[in-house]
Protein backbone atom coordinates (compact mmCIF):
# COMPACT_ATOMS: atom_id res chain seq x y z
CA UNK A 1 -2.86 -62.25 -87.97
CA UNK A 2 -0.30 -59.60 -87.86
CA UNK A 3 -2.93 -56.79 -87.32
CA UNK A 4 -4.28 -58.79 -84.21
CA UNK A 5 -0.91 -59.32 -82.69
CA UNK A 6 -0.05 -55.51 -83.01
CA UNK A 7 -3.17 -54.74 -81.18
CA UNK A 8 -2.04 -57.05 -78.53
CA UNK A 9 1.43 -55.66 -78.69
CA UNK A 10 0.16 -52.23 -77.83
CA UNK A 11 -2.59 -53.15 -75.12
CA UNK A 12 0.33 -55.20 -73.22
CA UNK A 13 2.36 -51.88 -73.36
CA UNK A 14 -0.29 -50.00 -72.48
CA UNK A 15 -0.98 -52.01 -69.10
CA UNK A 16 2.88 -52.11 -68.51
CA UNK A 17 2.60 -48.33 -68.49
CA UNK A 18 -0.33 -48.30 -66.01
CA UNK A 19 1.48 -50.01 -63.55
CA UNK A 20 4.40 -48.23 -63.82
CA UNK A 21 2.00 -45.02 -62.79
CA UNK A 22 0.62 -46.81 -60.03
CA UNK A 23 4.05 -47.83 -58.52
CA UNK A 24 5.39 -44.28 -58.96
CA UNK A 25 2.40 -42.79 -57.17
CA UNK A 26 2.05 -39.61 -59.73
CA UNK A 27 -1.09 -38.66 -57.73
CA UNK A 28 -1.69 -34.88 -57.70
CA UNK A 29 -1.73 -33.95 -54.09
CA UNK A 30 -1.61 -30.44 -51.86
CA UNK A 31 1.91 -29.81 -50.70
CA UNK A 32 0.09 -28.08 -47.65
CA UNK A 33 1.68 -30.06 -44.41
CA UNK A 34 -0.19 -30.86 -41.83
CA UNK A 35 -4.15 -30.25 -43.72
CA UNK A 36 -6.19 -33.24 -42.75
CA UNK A 37 -9.55 -34.22 -43.07
CA UNK A 38 -12.37 -33.91 -46.51
CA UNK A 39 -12.24 -31.13 -48.58
CA UNK A 40 -9.28 -29.08 -47.29
CA UNK A 41 -6.45 -30.53 -49.84
CA UNK A 42 -7.09 -29.95 -53.74
CA UNK A 43 -7.03 -33.77 -54.29
CA UNK A 44 -9.54 -35.74 -53.73
CA UNK A 45 -12.85 -34.60 -52.23
CA UNK A 46 -11.39 -30.87 -52.27
CA UNK A 47 -12.96 -30.34 -55.83
CA UNK A 48 -9.86 -28.95 -57.42
CA UNK A 49 -10.05 -25.92 -55.28
CA UNK A 50 -7.29 -24.13 -53.70
CA UNK A 51 -6.30 -23.82 -50.46
CA UNK A 52 -5.23 -20.48 -48.41
CA UNK A 53 -1.54 -19.97 -47.69
CA UNK A 54 -0.43 -21.58 -43.97
CA UNK A 55 -1.32 -18.76 -41.48
CA UNK A 56 -3.48 -16.67 -43.24
CA UNK A 57 -6.57 -18.33 -43.17
CA UNK A 58 -9.63 -16.88 -40.24
CA UNK A 59 -12.43 -18.70 -38.54
CA UNK A 60 -15.62 -17.52 -39.40
CA UNK A 61 -16.32 -14.15 -38.29
CA UNK A 62 -12.45 -14.34 -37.28
CA UNK A 63 -12.30 -10.55 -36.90
CA UNK A 64 -14.92 -10.63 -33.83
CA UNK A 65 -13.60 -12.99 -32.06
CA UNK A 66 -11.09 -12.71 -28.77
CA UNK A 67 -7.59 -13.11 -29.30
CA UNK A 68 -7.71 -12.26 -33.11
CA UNK A 69 -4.11 -10.97 -34.01
CA UNK A 70 -3.68 -7.91 -36.76
CA UNK A 71 -2.72 -11.06 -39.15
CA UNK A 72 -6.22 -12.16 -38.99
CA UNK A 73 -7.92 -9.29 -38.65
CA UNK A 74 -9.86 -7.39 -41.19
CA UNK A 75 -8.99 -3.78 -42.02
CA UNK A 76 -12.78 -2.73 -40.21
CA UNK A 77 -11.35 -4.56 -37.06
CA UNK A 78 -8.33 -3.21 -36.89
CA UNK A 79 -9.45 0.53 -37.30
CA UNK A 80 -12.07 -0.10 -34.43
CA UNK A 81 -9.20 -1.29 -32.04
CA UNK A 82 -6.81 1.68 -33.10
CA UNK A 83 -10.03 4.04 -32.22
CA UNK A 84 -10.81 2.58 -29.29
CA UNK A 85 -6.69 2.50 -27.84
CA UNK A 86 -7.67 6.29 -28.28
CA UNK A 87 -10.96 6.41 -25.90
CA UNK A 88 -10.13 8.19 -23.23
CA UNK A 89 -11.22 6.08 -19.96
CA UNK A 90 -14.14 7.65 -17.62
CA UNK A 91 -13.12 9.92 -14.95
CA UNK A 92 -13.47 7.79 -11.50
CA UNK A 93 -16.40 8.49 -9.17
CA UNK A 94 -15.91 10.93 -6.52
CA UNK A 95 -15.08 9.62 -2.92
CA UNK A 96 -17.59 8.05 -0.90
CA UNK A 97 -18.92 10.56 1.90
CA UNK A 98 -18.57 9.20 5.06
CA UNK A 99 -19.78 11.87 7.63
CA UNK A 100 -20.81 15.45 7.01
CA UNK A 101 -22.74 18.21 8.97
CA UNK A 102 -25.48 17.01 11.25
CA UNK A 103 -23.99 13.12 11.23
CA UNK A 104 -23.61 12.05 15.05
CA UNK A 105 -22.38 9.54 16.61
CA UNK A 106 -18.96 7.60 18.08
CA UNK A 107 -17.60 7.41 14.64
CA UNK A 108 -17.55 11.84 14.55
CA UNK A 109 -16.31 11.35 18.04
CA UNK A 110 -13.76 9.52 16.97
CA UNK A 111 -12.75 11.97 13.63
CA UNK A 112 -13.02 15.04 16.23
CA UNK A 113 -10.60 12.95 18.43
CA UNK A 114 -8.14 12.44 15.83
CA UNK A 115 -8.23 15.99 14.18
CA UNK A 116 -7.44 17.04 17.82
CA UNK A 117 -4.55 15.16 18.12
CA UNK A 118 -3.07 17.33 15.18
CA UNK A 119 -4.54 20.39 16.10
CA UNK A 120 -7.13 20.81 13.65
CA UNK A 121 -10.12 20.73 16.54
CA UNK A 122 -9.39 22.55 19.84
CA UNK A 123 -12.99 21.86 21.28
CA UNK A 124 -13.31 18.33 23.04
CA UNK A 125 -15.01 15.98 20.80
CA UNK A 126 -18.77 16.29 21.22
CA UNK A 127 -20.25 13.58 18.80
CA UNK A 128 -22.26 16.06 16.72
CA UNK A 129 -20.89 17.01 13.35
CA UNK A 130 -21.26 21.05 13.54
CA UNK A 131 -20.05 23.74 11.93
CA UNK A 132 -15.95 23.68 14.12
CA UNK A 133 -16.01 20.32 12.71
CA UNK A 134 -16.75 21.19 8.99
CA UNK A 135 -14.22 23.67 9.23
CA UNK A 136 -11.62 21.47 10.58
CA UNK A 137 -12.13 18.84 7.93
CA UNK A 138 -12.17 21.83 5.22
CA UNK A 139 -8.69 22.48 6.51
CA UNK A 140 -7.48 19.45 6.96
CA UNK A 141 -8.06 18.79 3.15
CA UNK A 142 -6.96 22.07 1.86
CA UNK A 143 -3.66 21.69 3.63
CA UNK A 144 -3.48 18.03 1.54
CA UNK A 145 -4.35 19.48 -1.96
CA UNK A 146 -8.02 17.57 -1.02
CA UNK A 147 -11.18 18.92 -2.54
CA UNK A 148 -12.02 21.32 0.26
CA UNK A 149 -15.70 20.20 1.06
CA UNK A 150 -15.56 20.10 4.86
CA UNK A 151 -17.17 16.51 4.52
CA UNK A 152 -15.10 13.29 5.40
CA UNK A 153 -14.98 11.31 2.35
CA UNK A 154 -13.12 8.09 2.42
CA UNK A 155 -10.00 9.22 1.14
CA UNK A 156 -9.79 12.11 3.47
CA UNK A 157 -10.47 9.86 6.12
CA UNK A 158 -7.53 7.37 5.39
CA UNK A 159 -5.43 10.28 5.27
CA UNK A 160 -6.43 11.10 8.67
CA UNK A 161 -6.32 7.82 10.10
CA UNK A 162 -2.61 7.31 8.59
CA UNK A 163 -1.30 10.12 10.64
CA UNK A 164 -2.72 9.71 13.95
CA UNK A 165 -3.13 7.28 16.71
CA UNK A 166 -6.48 5.28 17.64
CA UNK A 167 -7.83 7.49 20.51
CA UNK A 168 -8.20 6.06 23.54
CA UNK A 169 -11.43 6.47 25.88
CA UNK A 170 -10.69 10.00 27.96
CA UNK A 171 -9.37 10.98 24.27
CA UNK A 172 -12.57 10.51 23.14
CA UNK A 173 -14.89 11.48 26.22
CA UNK A 174 -12.64 14.43 27.63
CA UNK A 175 -15.60 16.26 29.15
CA UNK A 176 -17.87 13.27 29.62
CA UNK A 177 -20.52 11.63 27.88
CA UNK A 178 -19.21 8.49 27.87
CA UNK A 179 -21.44 5.32 28.32
CA UNK A 180 -22.04 3.96 31.83
CA UNK A 181 -20.79 0.85 33.03
CA UNK A 182 -22.52 -2.17 34.59
CA UNK A 183 -23.89 -1.43 38.02
CA UNK A 184 -22.77 -3.04 40.66
CA UNK A 185 -24.90 -5.66 42.30
CA UNK A 186 -25.51 -3.72 45.14
CA UNK A 187 -26.91 -1.08 43.35
CA UNK A 188 -29.97 -3.19 42.30
CA UNK A 189 -32.05 -3.14 45.10
CA UNK A 190 -34.11 0.26 46.78
CA UNK A 191 -32.96 4.04 46.03
CA UNK A 192 -29.49 3.92 45.19
CA UNK A 193 -26.27 6.68 44.03
CA UNK A 194 -24.55 3.87 41.97
CA UNK A 195 -20.86 5.26 40.85
CA UNK A 196 -18.69 3.51 38.94
CA UNK A 197 -14.89 4.56 39.29
CA UNK A 198 -14.15 2.66 35.98
CA UNK A 199 -16.41 4.64 33.42
CA UNK A 200 -16.30 7.29 35.85
CA UNK A 201 -20.35 7.64 35.81
CA UNK A 202 -22.92 8.05 38.14
CA UNK A 203 -26.37 6.06 37.82
CA UNK A 204 -29.43 7.61 39.72
CA UNK A 205 -31.29 4.18 40.40
CA UNK A 206 -34.51 3.03 42.33
CA UNK A 207 -35.45 -0.66 42.34
CA UNK A 208 -32.77 -1.83 39.66
CA UNK A 209 -34.13 0.77 36.88
CA UNK A 210 -31.89 3.75 35.96
CA UNK A 211 -33.47 6.88 35.98
CA UNK A 212 -30.45 9.22 35.03
CA UNK A 213 -26.64 9.14 34.03
CA UNK A 214 -24.16 11.29 34.49
CA UNK A 215 -20.11 11.75 33.96
CA UNK A 216 -18.50 12.43 37.11
CA UNK A 217 -14.90 12.61 38.39
CA UNK A 218 -12.95 11.98 41.50
CA UNK A 219 -10.27 12.49 43.87
CA UNK A 220 -6.55 12.50 42.98
CA UNK A 221 -3.99 10.02 43.64
CA UNK A 222 -3.01 11.86 47.02
CA UNK A 223 -6.72 12.52 47.57
CA UNK A 224 -8.99 9.66 46.52
CA UNK A 225 -12.85 8.90 46.71
CA UNK A 226 -13.50 6.18 49.15
CA UNK A 227 -14.95 3.15 47.80
CA UNK A 228 -17.35 1.21 49.80
CA UNK A 229 -21.39 1.69 50.77
CA UNK A 230 -22.62 4.57 52.32
CA UNK A 231 -25.36 7.01 52.80
CA UNK A 232 -26.66 10.32 51.86
CA UNK A 233 -26.52 11.60 55.58
CA UNK A 234 -26.99 15.66 54.34
CA UNK A 235 -27.64 17.32 51.97
CA UNK A 236 -26.41 21.29 51.44
CA UNK A 237 -28.10 23.20 48.00
CA UNK A 238 -25.64 26.32 48.54
CA UNK A 239 -22.75 24.46 50.30
CA UNK A 240 -19.00 25.91 50.50
CA UNK A 241 -16.06 24.05 51.48
CA UNK A 242 -14.36 25.14 54.88
CA UNK A 243 -11.23 23.98 53.95
CA UNK A 244 -10.68 24.98 50.45
CA UNK A 245 -13.33 27.94 50.72
CA UNK A 246 -14.56 26.60 47.02
CA UNK A 247 -17.80 26.44 46.29
CA UNK A 248 -19.75 22.65 46.36
CA UNK A 249 -23.39 23.67 44.98
CA UNK A 250 -26.10 20.44 45.75
CA UNK A 251 -24.06 18.65 47.57
CA UNK A 252 -24.79 15.47 49.39
CA UNK A 253 -22.40 13.89 51.72
CA UNK A 254 -22.09 10.27 52.07
CA UNK A 255 -18.43 10.08 53.74
CA UNK A 256 -17.03 12.63 56.11
CA UNK A 257 -16.26 15.60 53.69
CA UNK A 258 -17.01 13.68 50.70
CA UNK A 259 -19.90 14.25 49.12
CA UNK A 260 -21.39 14.23 45.33
CA UNK A 261 -21.71 17.94 43.72
CA UNK A 262 -21.71 20.26 41.12
CA UNK A 263 -17.88 21.24 40.06
CA UNK A 264 -17.60 24.28 37.88
CA UNK A 265 -14.00 23.39 37.26
CA UNK A 266 -15.03 19.89 35.61
CA UNK A 267 -17.38 21.98 33.44
CA UNK A 268 -14.29 23.65 32.18
CA UNK A 269 -11.65 21.39 32.60
CA UNK A 270 -13.18 17.55 32.14
CA UNK A 271 -11.13 14.69 33.34
CA UNK A 272 -7.77 17.23 32.73
CA UNK A 273 -8.52 18.03 36.88
CA UNK A 274 -9.42 16.60 40.02
CA UNK A 275 -10.80 16.65 43.60
CA UNK A 276 -10.23 16.72 47.01
CA UNK A 277 -11.92 13.71 47.23
CA UNK A 278 -15.77 14.40 46.28
CA UNK A 279 -17.69 12.98 43.53
CA UNK A 280 -17.81 15.97 41.11
CA UNK A 281 -20.81 16.42 38.07
CA UNK A 282 -20.17 18.79 35.62
CA UNK A 283 -23.89 18.79 33.98
CA UNK A 284 -25.33 21.77 36.40
CA UNK A 285 -28.93 20.90 34.95
CA UNK A 286 -28.71 17.37 35.71
CA UNK A 287 -27.46 17.33 39.24
CA UNK A 288 -30.07 19.97 39.95
CA UNK A 289 -32.98 17.37 39.17
CA UNK A 290 -31.07 14.61 40.55
CA UNK A 291 -30.21 16.74 44.03
CA UNK A 292 -34.24 17.23 44.18
CA UNK A 293 -35.08 13.40 43.79
CA UNK A 294 -32.37 11.91 46.55
CA UNK A 295 -33.40 11.70 49.78
CA UNK A 296 -31.18 11.73 53.38
CA UNK A 297 -31.09 7.77 53.84
CA UNK A 298 -30.66 6.90 50.54
CA UNK A 299 -27.98 4.33 49.82
CA UNK A 300 -24.36 5.31 48.19
CA UNK A 301 -22.48 2.74 46.51
CA UNK A 302 -18.68 4.00 45.17
CA UNK A 303 -17.21 1.03 43.23
CA UNK A 304 -15.23 0.03 40.37
């Protein structure tokens, strides 16, 4: 009976120890704070594995992911990054060429007018990119340390624009070549020399259809060309002015001593000059053809 009793006392003591352990919570736990979820600690569910120290554990493939720092990258990734940092950047592509020899149009005319403003081109704009324009562009480029190709690229153009102003109409067309303005309503019927003072052009029209167009200039402030509707009353192929003693070839008189005629001064100086009231034409071949077609009695309209 004592043995049995002793066993009972031992069992009671063991039960008391187990109860004490339960109250004290003597379970072995991971000391890494902030780790949650199954399989992240070394206690229950961890299989007894040790976790990496805080801040050193990489996500799968961490050295290939964007934003991986030096602390988390592999030696291979670090070496690759260092090599990439030493790589020389590729050279910038050459500037895009806007215009070069053989091109034509209003943009080329503006280029020429701007070059003329800063004395790189002495000739009047023609709208055609020829050898003189190429030479002027090459000189402009060389002076400013740009590749002296003679071709106008975007860099050259921006530099030129910064040094000049937008050219006006008569800077673009100092020797003519400008587009004609809309014809006056009085020009839309019959055979008409339709002369526009605003656009400085002459249209030769028959029944509203334009057969030819040419640049013209007019009288000065003190000898203006009269405006209105007239008729050609006399034609004189080799006329010489009896007042000014100057040649007036292919003259077609429409109002007193005022006539449409060829002017060598206009051909030489463009709009830098003016007439004594006549309508000057600078293209001799064009007015020779016009003279052959116009008849006495044809209408002349001078308008703005």
